[in-house]
């Protein structure tokens, strides 16, 4: 069952959300305090929306996701804008980013993955959003998450990208809104590129 979390409720669940992030991403424990602080800051961003999934009402959170309106001055937004300009030029970067929602995090506890929770959360985060596009980044390898994003209508915009500060290569993906239902799109090929290119 999904439930939308307001910023205060999101912050109240922060420890359990960071634990899900750590399990899903096999994150280095030394990096978790920084991740917690980043998520705390994200909860103050414009048009912040978060969802949590629980197996039963009142049960523990088994998945979460959140996003917000992308804007200049946000670290991820500025890094992605520079990467898009480098790869596709100013016009394309502006088309993707000028009216976008950033899907910042989407994670499911590994014991609960492949049950459709990620698909439901992705749709809930983006449904009814006023923005024209949605963007996210994901490790640049084939994975269940990347296949989910493709089924929802996301396409690769930048691949092999290392964010400032290092780390493994990421793919930046974008989609026009509304997203398609990943469960209904299992047999559909992803478009080679979104229609706004």
N, C-alpha and C. Protein backbone atom coordinates (compact mmCIF):
# COMPACT_ATOMS: atom_id res chain seq x y z
N UNK A 1 0.84 -1.18 0.00
CA UNK A 1 0.00 0.00 0.00
C UNK A 1 0.88 1.24 0.00
N UNK A 2 0.51 2.22 -0.84
CA UNK A 2 1.28 3.45 -0.97
C UNK A 2 0.63 4.57 -0.16
N UNK A 3 1.47 5.43 0.34
CA UNK A 3 0.98 6.60 1.06
C UNK A 3 1.88 7.77 0.75
N UNK A 4 1.28 8.90 0.44
CA UNK A 4 2.07 10.10 0.22
C UNK A 4 2.54 10.65 1.56
N UNK A 5 3.79 11.13 1.58
CA UNK A 5 4.37 11.70 2.79
C UNK A 5 4.62 13.18 2.57
N UNK A 6 4.11 14.01 3.47
CA UNK A 6 4.47 15.41 3.45
C UNK A 6 5.90 15.57 3.95
N UNK A 7 6.50 16.74 3.77
CA UNK A 7 7.89 16.93 4.20
C UNK A 7 8.15 16.56 5.66
N UNK A 8 7.25 16.95 6.57
CA UNK A 8 7.47 16.65 8.00
C UNK A 8 7.41 15.15 8.25
N UNK A 9 6.46 14.47 7.62
CA UNK A 9 6.34 13.02 7.79
C UNK A 9 7.53 12.31 7.16
N UNK A 10 7.98 12.80 6.01
CA UNK A 10 9.17 12.26 5.35
C UNK A 10 10.37 12.34 6.29
N UNK A 11 10.56 13.48 6.91
CA UNK A 11 11.69 13.65 7.83
C UNK A 11 11.54 12.76 9.06
N UNK A 12 10.31 12.53 9.49
CA UNK A 12 10.08 11.65 10.63
C UNK A 12 10.42 10.20 10.33
N UNK A 13 10.39 9.82 9.06
CA UNK A 13 10.71 8.46 8.62
C UNK A 13 12.14 8.35 8.10
N UNK A 14 12.92 9.42 8.21
CA UNK A 14 14.19 9.49 7.50
C UNK A 14 15.14 8.33 7.81
N UNK A 15 15.24 7.93 9.05
CA UNK A 15 16.17 6.84 9.39
C UNK A 15 15.80 5.56 8.66
N UNK A 16 14.52 5.21 8.63
CA UNK A 16 14.12 3.98 7.94
C UNK A 16 14.28 4.12 6.43
N UNK A 17 14.09 5.31 5.89
CA UNK A 17 14.26 5.52 4.45
C UNK A 17 15.73 5.39 4.05
N UNK A 18 16.61 5.96 4.87
CA UNK A 18 18.05 5.84 4.58
C UNK A 18 18.48 4.38 4.67
N UNK A 19 17.90 3.62 5.59
CA UNK A 19 18.23 2.19 5.70
C UNK A 19 17.80 1.44 4.44
N UNK A 20 16.65 1.78 3.88
CA UNK A 20 16.20 1.15 2.64
C UNK A 20 17.14 1.53 1.51
N UNK A 21 17.51 2.81 1.43
CA UNK A 21 18.48 3.26 0.43
C UNK A 21 19.77 2.45 0.54
N UNK A 22 20.28 2.29 1.76
CA UNK A 22 21.54 1.58 1.98
C UNK A 22 21.44 0.14 1.51
N UNK A 23 20.34 -0.54 1.82
CA UNK A 23 20.16 -1.93 1.40
C UNK A 23 20.02 -2.04 -0.11
N UNK A 24 19.21 -1.16 -0.69
CA UNK A 24 18.94 -1.24 -2.13
C UNK A 24 20.17 -0.90 -2.96
N UNK A 25 20.99 0.02 -2.48
CA UNK A 25 22.15 0.49 -3.24
C UNK A 25 23.46 -0.13 -2.76
N UNK A 26 23.38 -1.02 -1.76
CA UNK A 26 24.58 -1.55 -1.11
C UNK A 26 25.59 -0.43 -0.86
N UNK A 27 25.08 0.60 -0.20
CA UNK A 27 25.85 1.83 0.01
C UNK A 27 26.89 1.65 1.11
N UNK A 28 27.99 2.35 0.97
CA UNK A 28 29.05 2.40 1.98
C UNK A 28 28.47 3.08 3.23
N UNK A 29 28.48 2.41 4.38
CA UNK A 29 27.91 3.02 5.59
C UNK A 29 28.51 4.38 5.93
N UNK A 30 29.76 4.60 5.56
CA UNK A 30 30.40 5.89 5.86
C UNK A 30 29.73 7.04 5.11
N UNK A 31 29.03 6.73 4.02
CA UNK A 31 28.39 7.78 3.21
C UNK A 31 26.96 8.09 3.65
N UNK A 32 26.41 7.29 4.55
CA UNK A 32 25.00 7.44 4.90
C UNK A 32 24.66 8.75 5.64
N UNK A 33 25.53 9.26 6.53
CA UNK A 33 25.19 10.56 7.14
C UNK A 33 25.04 11.67 6.09
N UNK A 34 25.91 11.67 5.08
CA UNK A 34 25.79 12.65 4.01
C UNK A 34 24.52 12.46 3.21
N UNK A 35 24.14 11.22 2.96
CA UNK A 35 22.90 10.93 2.23
C UNK A 35 21.70 11.40 3.02
N UNK A 36 21.73 11.18 4.33
CA UNK A 36 20.64 11.62 5.20
C UNK A 36 20.50 13.14 5.15
N UNK A 37 21.63 13.85 5.21
CA UNK A 37 21.58 15.31 5.16
C UNK A 37 21.07 15.80 3.81
N UNK A 38 21.47 15.13 2.73
CA UNK A 38 20.99 15.49 1.39
C UNK A 38 19.48 15.31 1.30
N UNK A 39 18.97 14.20 1.79
CA UNK A 39 17.53 13.95 1.75
C UNK A 39 16.78 14.97 2.60
N UNK A 40 17.36 15.36 3.71
CA UNK A 40 16.76 16.38 4.56
C UNK A 40 16.65 17.71 3.78
N UNK A 41 17.70 18.05 3.05
CA UNK A 41 17.69 19.28 2.26
C UNK A 41 16.67 19.19 1.12
N UNK A 42 16.61 18.03 0.45
CA UNK A 42 15.66 17.85 -0.65
C UNK A 42 14.22 18.09 -0.22
N UNK A 43 13.89 17.75 1.02
CA UNK A 43 12.52 17.91 1.51
C UNK A 43 12.08 19.37 1.54
N UNK A 44 13.03 20.30 1.39
CA UNK A 44 12.70 21.73 1.38
C UNK A 44 12.56 22.27 -0.05
N UNK A 45 12.81 21.44 -1.05
CA UNK A 45 12.81 21.92 -2.44
C UNK A 45 11.39 22.15 -2.95
N UNK A 46 11.25 22.96 -4.01
CA UNK A 46 9.92 23.29 -4.54
C UNK A 46 9.17 22.05 -5.02
N UNK A 47 7.88 22.02 -4.71
CA UNK A 47 6.97 20.96 -5.17
C UNK A 47 7.47 19.56 -4.79
N UNK A 48 8.06 19.43 -3.60
CA UNK A 48 8.53 18.15 -3.10
C UNK A 48 7.35 17.20 -2.94
N UNK A 49 7.51 15.97 -3.44
CA UNK A 49 6.50 14.92 -3.27
C UNK A 49 7.22 13.63 -2.93
N UNK A 50 6.75 12.95 -1.88
CA UNK A 50 7.33 11.68 -1.47
C UNK A 50 6.23 10.65 -1.27
N UNK A 51 6.56 9.40 -1.55
CA UNK A 51 5.65 8.29 -1.30
C UNK A 51 6.41 7.19 -0.57
N UNK A 52 5.68 6.45 0.26
CA UNK A 52 6.24 5.31 0.96
C UNK A 52 5.32 4.12 0.72
N UNK A 53 5.93 2.94 0.60
CA UNK A 53 5.18 1.70 0.42
C UNK A 53 5.32 0.86 1.67
N UNK A 54 4.23 0.30 2.10
CA UNK A 54 4.21 -0.61 3.25
C UNK A 54 3.45 -1.87 2.83
N UNK A 55 3.86 -3.00 3.38
CA UNK A 55 3.14 -4.25 3.11
C UNK A 55 1.75 -4.22 3.72
N UNK A 56 1.65 -3.67 4.92
CA UNK A 56 0.38 -3.60 5.64
C UNK A 56 0.25 -2.21 6.25
N UNK A 57 -0.99 -1.75 6.46
CA UNK A 57 -1.16 -0.45 7.12
C UNK A 57 -0.46 -0.44 8.48
N UNK A 58 0.34 0.56 8.71
CA UNK A 58 1.07 0.68 9.96
C UNK A 58 2.32 -0.18 10.04
N UNK A 59 2.56 -1.01 9.01
CA UNK A 59 3.75 -1.85 8.98
C UNK A 59 4.97 -1.04 8.60
N UNK A 60 6.13 -1.69 8.60
CA UNK A 60 7.35 -0.96 8.25
C UNK A 60 7.36 -0.56 6.77
N UNK A 61 8.07 0.51 6.50
CA UNK A 61 8.23 0.98 5.12
C UNK A 61 9.12 -0.02 4.38
N UNK A 62 8.69 -0.43 3.18
CA UNK A 62 9.48 -1.37 2.37
C UNK A 62 10.00 -0.71 1.09
N UNK A 63 9.55 0.49 0.81
CA UNK A 63 10.03 1.23 -0.35
C UNK A 63 9.66 2.69 -0.24
N UNK A 64 10.42 3.52 -0.91
CA UNK A 64 10.10 4.96 -0.90
C UNK A 64 10.65 5.60 -2.17
N UNK A 65 10.08 6.72 -2.47
CA UNK A 65 10.58 7.53 -3.58
C UNK A 65 10.21 8.97 -3.33
N UNK A 66 10.96 9.87 -3.95
CA UNK A 66 10.58 11.28 -3.87
C UNK A 66 11.16 12.04 -5.06
N UNK A 67 10.56 13.18 -5.29
CA UNK A 67 11.02 14.06 -6.35
C UNK A 67 10.59 15.48 -6.07
N UNK A 68 11.01 16.39 -6.93
CA UNK A 68 10.71 17.81 -6.75
C UNK A 68 10.96 18.52 -8.07
N UNK A 69 10.50 19.75 -8.14
CA UNK A 69 10.71 20.56 -9.33
C UNK A 69 12.20 20.89 -9.47
N UNK A 70 12.77 20.59 -10.63
CA UNK A 70 14.17 20.90 -10.88
C UNK A 70 14.38 22.38 -11.15
N UNK A 71 15.47 22.93 -10.61
CA UNK A 71 15.73 24.35 -10.78
C UNK A 71 17.23 24.63 -10.72
N UNK A 72 17.62 25.67 -11.40
CA UNK A 72 19.01 26.12 -11.37
C UNK A 72 19.41 26.38 -9.92
N UNK A 73 20.64 26.01 -9.58
CA UNK A 73 21.13 26.16 -8.21
C UNK A 73 21.07 24.86 -7.43
N UNK A 74 20.32 23.88 -7.93
CA UNK A 74 20.31 22.55 -7.31
C UNK A 74 21.49 21.77 -7.89
N UNK A 75 22.25 21.08 -7.07
CA UNK A 75 23.49 20.44 -7.49
C UNK A 75 23.27 19.47 -8.66
N UNK A 76 22.31 18.56 -8.53
CA UNK A 76 22.07 17.56 -9.58
C UNK A 76 21.63 18.25 -10.87
N UNK A 77 20.72 19.18 -10.75
CA UNK A 77 20.20 19.91 -11.92
C UNK A 77 21.34 20.58 -12.68
N UNK A 78 22.20 21.28 -11.96
CA UNK A 78 23.30 22.00 -12.61
C UNK A 78 24.30 21.04 -13.25
N UNK A 79 24.59 19.92 -12.58
CA UNK A 79 25.52 18.93 -13.15
C UNK A 79 24.93 18.31 -14.41
N UNK A 80 23.65 17.97 -14.37
CA UNK A 80 23.01 17.35 -15.53
C UNK A 80 22.89 18.36 -16.67
N UNK A 81 22.59 19.60 -16.36
CA UNK A 81 22.51 20.61 -17.42
C UNK A 81 23.85 20.71 -18.15
N UNK A 82 24.95 20.75 -17.41
CA UNK A 82 26.27 20.82 -18.05
C UNK A 82 26.52 19.59 -18.91
N UNK A 83 26.15 18.42 -18.42
CA UNK A 83 26.36 17.18 -19.19
C UNK A 83 25.50 17.18 -20.45
N UNK A 84 24.25 17.61 -20.34
CA UNK A 84 23.36 17.65 -21.51
C UNK A 84 23.83 18.66 -22.55
N UNK A 85 24.28 19.81 -22.08
CA UNK A 85 24.82 20.80 -23.02
C UNK A 85 26.00 20.21 -23.76
N UNK A 86 26.88 19.52 -23.05
CA UNK A 86 28.06 18.93 -23.66
C UNK A 86 27.70 17.87 -24.71
N UNK A 87 26.68 17.07 -24.42
CA UNK A 87 26.31 15.95 -25.30
C UNK A 87 25.37 16.38 -26.41
N UNK A 88 24.38 17.23 -26.08
CA UNK A 88 23.31 17.49 -27.04
C UNK A 88 23.09 18.97 -27.36
N UNK A 89 23.79 19.87 -26.66
CA UNK A 89 23.65 21.29 -26.95
C UNK A 89 22.66 22.00 -26.03
N UNK A 90 22.72 23.33 -26.09
CA UNK A 90 21.91 24.17 -25.20
C UNK A 90 20.42 23.99 -25.43
N UNK A 91 20.00 23.89 -26.68
CA UNK A 91 18.57 23.80 -26.98
C UNK A 91 17.96 22.54 -26.38
N UNK A 92 18.64 21.43 -26.55
CA UNK A 92 18.14 20.17 -26.00
C UNK A 92 18.14 20.20 -24.47
N UNK A 93 19.20 20.72 -23.86
CA UNK A 93 19.26 20.81 -22.41
C UNK A 93 18.12 21.66 -21.88
N UNK A 94 17.85 22.78 -22.54
CA UNK A 94 16.76 23.66 -22.12
C UNK A 94 15.41 22.94 -22.26
N UNK A 95 15.23 22.20 -23.37
CA UNK A 95 13.97 21.49 -23.58
C UNK A 95 13.71 20.46 -22.48
N UNK A 96 14.75 19.77 -22.07
CA UNK A 96 14.59 18.75 -21.04
C UNK A 96 14.42 19.34 -19.65
N UNK A 97 15.15 20.41 -19.34
CA UNK A 97 15.25 20.86 -17.95
C UNK A 97 14.38 22.06 -17.59
N UNK A 98 13.90 22.81 -18.57
CA UNK A 98 13.23 24.07 -18.24
C UNK A 98 11.93 23.87 -17.47
N UNK A 99 11.29 22.72 -17.60
CA UNK A 99 10.04 22.45 -16.89
C UNK A 99 10.03 20.98 -16.50
N UNK A 100 10.89 20.64 -15.51
CA UNK A 100 11.12 19.22 -15.20
C UNK A 100 10.91 18.91 -13.73
N UNK A 101 10.57 17.66 -13.49
CA UNK A 101 10.57 17.10 -12.14
C UNK A 101 11.77 16.16 -12.07
N UNK A 102 12.54 16.27 -11.01
CA UNK A 102 13.64 15.33 -10.77
C UNK A 102 13.14 14.22 -9.88
N UNK A 103 13.18 12.98 -10.38
CA UNK A 103 12.90 11.82 -9.55
C UNK A 103 14.22 11.52 -8.85
N UNK A 104 14.34 12.02 -7.62
CA UNK A 104 15.63 12.01 -6.93
C UNK A 104 15.98 10.64 -6.38
N UNK A 105 15.01 9.96 -5.79
CA UNK A 105 15.25 8.64 -5.20
C UNK A 105 14.04 7.76 -5.43
N UNK A 106 14.29 6.48 -5.70
CA UNK A 106 13.24 5.47 -5.83
C UNK A 106 13.88 4.14 -5.45
N UNK A 107 13.54 3.61 -4.27
CA UNK A 107 14.21 2.43 -3.75
C UNK A 107 13.21 1.49 -3.09
N UNK A 108 13.44 0.20 -3.28
CA UNK A 108 12.62 -0.83 -2.65
C UNK A 108 13.56 -1.77 -1.89
N UNK A 109 13.19 -2.12 -0.67
CA UNK A 109 13.96 -3.09 0.09
C UNK A 109 14.18 -4.34 -0.78
N UNK A 110 15.39 -4.85 -0.86
CA UNK A 110 15.66 -6.00 -1.75
C UNK A 110 14.73 -7.19 -1.55
N UNK A 111 14.26 -7.43 -0.35
CA UNK A 111 13.35 -8.55 -0.10
C UNK A 111 11.97 -8.33 -0.72
N UNK A 112 11.68 -7.10 -1.14
CA UNK A 112 10.35 -6.78 -1.68
C UNK A 112 10.42 -6.33 -3.14
N UNK A 113 11.57 -6.46 -3.76
CA UNK A 113 11.70 -6.06 -5.15
C UNK A 113 11.02 -7.06 -6.08
N UNK A 114 10.73 -6.58 -7.28
CA UNK A 114 10.09 -7.38 -8.35
C UNK A 114 8.66 -7.77 -8.01
N UNK A 115 8.01 -6.92 -7.22
CA UNK A 115 6.60 -7.15 -6.89
C UNK A 115 5.74 -6.00 -7.39
N UNK A 116 6.31 -5.12 -8.22
CA UNK A 116 5.56 -3.99 -8.78
C UNK A 116 5.55 -2.75 -7.92
N UNK A 117 6.25 -2.77 -6.78
CA UNK A 117 6.24 -1.61 -5.88
C UNK A 117 6.93 -0.42 -6.53
N UNK A 118 8.07 -0.65 -7.16
CA UNK A 118 8.78 0.46 -7.81
C UNK A 118 7.94 1.11 -8.89
N UNK A 119 7.24 0.32 -9.69
CA UNK A 119 6.37 0.86 -10.75
C UNK A 119 5.28 1.73 -10.15
N UNK A 120 4.64 1.23 -9.09
CA UNK A 120 3.56 1.99 -8.46
C UNK A 120 4.08 3.30 -7.89
N UNK A 121 5.23 3.27 -7.25
CA UNK A 121 5.78 4.49 -6.67
C UNK A 121 6.15 5.49 -7.74
N UNK A 122 6.76 5.02 -8.84
CA UNK A 122 7.16 5.93 -9.92
C UNK A 122 5.94 6.64 -10.50
N UNK A 123 4.87 5.89 -10.74
CA UNK A 123 3.65 6.51 -11.27
C UNK A 123 3.05 7.48 -10.26
N UNK A 124 3.01 7.09 -8.98
CA UNK A 124 2.44 7.97 -7.96
C UNK A 124 3.23 9.27 -7.83
N UNK A 125 4.55 9.20 -7.97
CA UNK A 125 5.38 10.41 -7.86
C UNK A 125 5.15 11.38 -9.00
N UNK A 126 4.86 10.86 -10.18
CA UNK A 126 4.78 11.72 -11.37
C UNK A 126 3.36 12.02 -11.82
N UNK A 127 2.39 11.26 -11.34
CA UNK A 127 1.00 11.44 -11.77
C UNK A 127 0.49 12.83 -11.38
N UNK A 128 -0.09 13.52 -12.35
CA UNK A 128 -0.67 14.83 -12.09
C UNK A 128 0.33 15.95 -11.89
N UNK A 129 1.61 15.68 -12.10
CA UNK A 129 2.61 16.74 -11.94
C UNK A 129 2.39 17.78 -13.04
N UNK A 130 2.65 19.06 -12.75
CA UNK A 130 2.47 20.09 -13.77
C UNK A 130 3.64 20.17 -14.76
N UNK A 131 4.79 19.57 -14.41
CA UNK A 131 5.96 19.68 -15.28
C UNK A 131 5.74 18.90 -16.58
N UNK A 132 6.53 19.25 -17.58
CA UNK A 132 6.45 18.62 -18.90
C UNK A 132 7.33 17.39 -19.02
N UNK A 133 8.44 17.36 -18.27
CA UNK A 133 9.38 16.24 -18.37
C UNK A 133 9.75 15.73 -16.98
N UNK A 134 10.25 14.50 -16.95
CA UNK A 134 10.80 13.90 -15.73
C UNK A 134 12.20 13.43 -16.04
N UNK A 135 13.13 13.65 -15.13
CA UNK A 135 14.51 13.20 -15.30
C UNK A 135 14.97 12.46 -14.05
N UNK A 136 15.92 11.56 -14.24
CA UNK A 136 16.51 10.82 -13.13
C UNK A 136 17.87 10.32 -13.56
N UNK A 137 18.64 9.84 -12.59
CA UNK A 137 19.90 9.18 -12.91
C UNK A 137 19.92 7.83 -12.22
N UNK A 138 20.58 6.89 -12.87
CA UNK A 138 20.65 5.52 -12.36
C UNK A 138 21.99 4.93 -12.78
N UNK A 139 22.55 4.00 -12.01
CA UNK A 139 23.83 3.42 -12.43
C UNK A 139 23.76 2.93 -13.88
N UNK A 140 24.81 3.22 -14.61
CA UNK A 140 24.85 2.93 -16.06
C UNK A 140 25.19 1.46 -16.30
N UNK A 141 24.22 0.61 -16.00
CA UNK A 141 24.33 -0.83 -16.27
C UNK A 141 22.91 -1.36 -16.41
N UNK A 142 22.80 -2.51 -17.01
CA UNK A 142 21.47 -3.11 -17.11
C UNK A 142 21.06 -3.59 -15.73
N UNK A 143 19.85 -3.25 -15.33
CA UNK A 143 19.35 -3.61 -14.01
C UNK A 143 17.83 -3.61 -14.07
N UNK A 144 17.18 -4.22 -13.09
CA UNK A 144 15.72 -4.15 -13.05
C UNK A 144 15.21 -2.70 -13.01
N UNK A 145 15.90 -1.83 -12.28
CA UNK A 145 15.48 -0.43 -12.20
C UNK A 145 15.53 0.23 -13.57
N UNK A 146 16.60 0.00 -14.30
CA UNK A 146 16.73 0.65 -15.61
C UNK A 146 15.67 0.13 -16.59
N UNK A 147 15.38 -1.15 -16.51
CA UNK A 147 14.33 -1.71 -17.37
C UNK A 147 12.97 -1.13 -16.99
N UNK A 148 12.73 -0.94 -15.70
CA UNK A 148 11.49 -0.30 -15.26
C UNK A 148 11.37 1.09 -15.85
N UNK A 149 12.44 1.88 -15.78
CA UNK A 149 12.39 3.24 -16.29
C UNK A 149 12.11 3.24 -17.80
N UNK A 150 12.72 2.34 -18.52
CA UNK A 150 12.46 2.27 -19.96
C UNK A 150 11.00 1.93 -20.25
N UNK A 151 10.46 0.97 -19.50
CA UNK A 151 9.05 0.60 -19.72
C UNK A 151 8.13 1.77 -19.42
N UNK A 152 8.53 2.65 -18.50
CA UNK A 152 7.71 3.81 -18.16
C UNK A 152 7.85 4.94 -19.17
N UNK A 153 8.78 4.81 -20.13
CA UNK A 153 8.94 5.82 -21.16
C UNK A 153 10.23 6.61 -21.10
N UNK A 154 11.10 6.31 -20.15
CA UNK A 154 12.38 7.02 -20.06
C UNK A 154 13.34 6.50 -21.13
N UNK A 155 14.15 7.39 -21.64
CA UNK A 155 15.21 7.05 -22.59
C UNK A 155 16.52 7.65 -22.10
N UNK A 156 17.62 7.05 -22.50
CA UNK A 156 18.94 7.55 -22.12
C UNK A 156 19.20 8.90 -22.77
N UNK A 157 19.61 9.87 -21.98
CA UNK A 157 20.02 11.18 -22.48
C UNK A 157 21.54 11.31 -22.45
N UNK A 158 22.15 10.80 -21.39
CA UNK A 158 23.60 10.81 -21.22
C UNK A 158 23.97 9.47 -20.60
N UNK A 159 24.99 8.82 -21.12
CA UNK A 159 25.45 7.56 -20.53
C UNK A 159 26.94 7.69 -20.17
N UNK A 160 27.38 6.81 -19.29
CA UNK A 160 28.78 6.83 -18.88
C UNK A 160 29.18 8.09 -18.16
N UNK A 161 28.23 8.72 -17.47
CA UNK A 161 28.50 10.02 -16.85
C UNK A 161 28.95 9.85 -15.40
N UNK A 162 30.04 10.47 -15.05
CA UNK A 162 30.51 10.50 -13.66
C UNK A 162 30.21 11.87 -13.08
N UNK A 163 29.38 11.90 -12.05
CA UNK A 163 29.04 13.16 -11.42
C UNK A 163 30.28 13.77 -10.77
N UNK A 164 30.31 15.10 -10.62
CA UNK A 164 31.44 15.74 -9.95
C UNK A 164 31.66 15.10 -8.58
N UNK A 165 32.90 14.81 -8.28
CA UNK A 165 33.23 14.14 -7.04
C UNK A 165 33.52 12.67 -7.21
N UNK A 166 33.31 12.17 -8.44
CA UNK A 166 33.65 10.78 -8.73
C UNK A 166 32.49 9.83 -8.52
N UNK A 167 32.82 8.56 -8.47
CA UNK A 167 31.80 7.53 -8.33
C UNK A 167 31.64 6.76 -9.62
N UNK A 168 30.80 5.73 -9.58
CA UNK A 168 30.60 4.90 -10.77
C UNK A 168 29.87 5.67 -11.86
N UNK A 169 29.95 5.20 -13.10
CA UNK A 169 29.24 5.90 -14.18
C UNK A 169 27.73 5.76 -14.04
N UNK A 170 27.04 6.82 -14.39
CA UNK A 170 25.58 6.88 -14.33
C UNK A 170 25.02 7.14 -15.71
N UNK A 171 23.76 6.77 -15.89
CA UNK A 171 22.98 7.18 -17.05
C UNK A 171 21.97 8.21 -16.56
N UNK A 172 21.85 9.29 -17.31
CA UNK A 172 20.80 10.27 -17.06
C UNK A 172 19.69 9.94 -18.04
N UNK A 173 18.48 9.77 -17.53
CA UNK A 173 17.35 9.37 -18.36
C UNK A 173 16.25 10.43 -18.26
N UNK A 174 15.50 10.57 -19.35
CA UNK A 174 14.41 11.54 -19.37
C UNK A 174 13.18 10.97 -20.04
N UNK A 175 12.03 11.50 -19.67
CA UNK A 175 10.76 11.10 -20.26
C UNK A 175 9.84 12.30 -20.30
N UNK A 176 8.94 12.31 -21.25
CA UNK A 176 7.89 13.32 -21.25
C UNK A 176 6.76 12.80 -20.37
N UNK A 177 6.09 13.70 -19.69
CA UNK A 177 4.96 13.33 -18.83
C UNK A 177 3.66 13.44 -19.61
N UNK A 178 2.67 12.61 -19.31
CA UNK A 178 2.65 11.60 -18.26
C UNK A 178 3.43 10.35 -18.66
N UNK A 179 3.93 9.63 -17.67
CA UNK A 179 4.60 8.36 -17.92
C UNK A 179 3.58 7.31 -18.32
N UNK A 180 4.06 6.28 -19.00
CA UNK A 180 3.16 5.15 -19.26
C UNK A 180 3.30 4.15 -18.12
N UNK A 181 2.27 3.36 -17.92
CA UNK A 181 2.27 2.36 -16.86
C UNK A 181 3.27 1.26 -17.21
N UNK A 182 4.34 1.10 -16.41
CA UNK A 182 5.34 0.07 -16.74
C UNK A 182 4.76 -1.33 -16.83
N UNK A 183 3.74 -1.64 -16.03
CA UNK A 183 3.15 -2.97 -16.06
C UNK A 183 2.43 -3.21 -17.38
N UNK A 184 1.86 -2.16 -17.97
CA UNK A 184 1.15 -2.29 -19.24
C UNK A 184 2.10 -2.19 -20.43
N UNK A 185 3.33 -1.78 -20.16
CA UNK A 185 4.28 -1.54 -21.26
C UNK A 185 5.33 -2.63 -21.37
N UNK A 186 5.12 -3.77 -20.70
CA UNK A 186 6.14 -4.82 -20.71
C UNK A 186 6.54 -5.26 -22.11
N UNK A 187 5.62 -5.26 -23.04
CA UNK A 187 5.93 -5.75 -24.38
C UNK A 187 6.23 -4.65 -25.39
N UNK A 188 6.18 -3.39 -24.94
CA UNK A 188 6.43 -2.29 -25.86
C UNK A 188 7.90 -1.91 -25.89
N UNK A 189 8.48 -1.70 -27.07
CA UNK A 189 9.86 -1.23 -27.10
C UNK A 189 9.91 0.24 -26.66
N UNK A 190 10.98 0.58 -25.98
CA UNK A 190 11.16 1.98 -25.58
C UNK A 190 11.51 2.79 -26.81
N UNK A 191 11.04 4.03 -26.89
CA UNK A 191 11.39 4.86 -28.04
C UNK A 191 12.89 5.14 -28.04
N UNK A 192 13.44 5.32 -29.24
CA UNK A 192 14.86 5.59 -29.37
C UNK A 192 15.21 6.93 -28.72
N UNK A 193 14.32 7.89 -28.85
CA UNK A 193 14.51 9.17 -28.18
C UNK A 193 13.17 9.81 -27.97
N UNK A 194 13.01 10.56 -26.90
CA UNK A 194 11.74 11.21 -26.63
C UNK A 194 11.38 12.23 -27.69
N UNK A 195 10.09 12.56 -27.75
CA UNK A 195 9.58 13.37 -28.82
C UNK A 195 10.02 14.83 -28.77
N UNK A 196 10.58 15.28 -27.65
CA UNK A 196 10.95 16.70 -27.61
C UNK A 196 12.36 16.95 -28.15
N UNK A 197 13.04 15.94 -28.58
CA UNK A 197 14.37 16.17 -29.18
C UNK A 197 14.20 16.71 -30.55
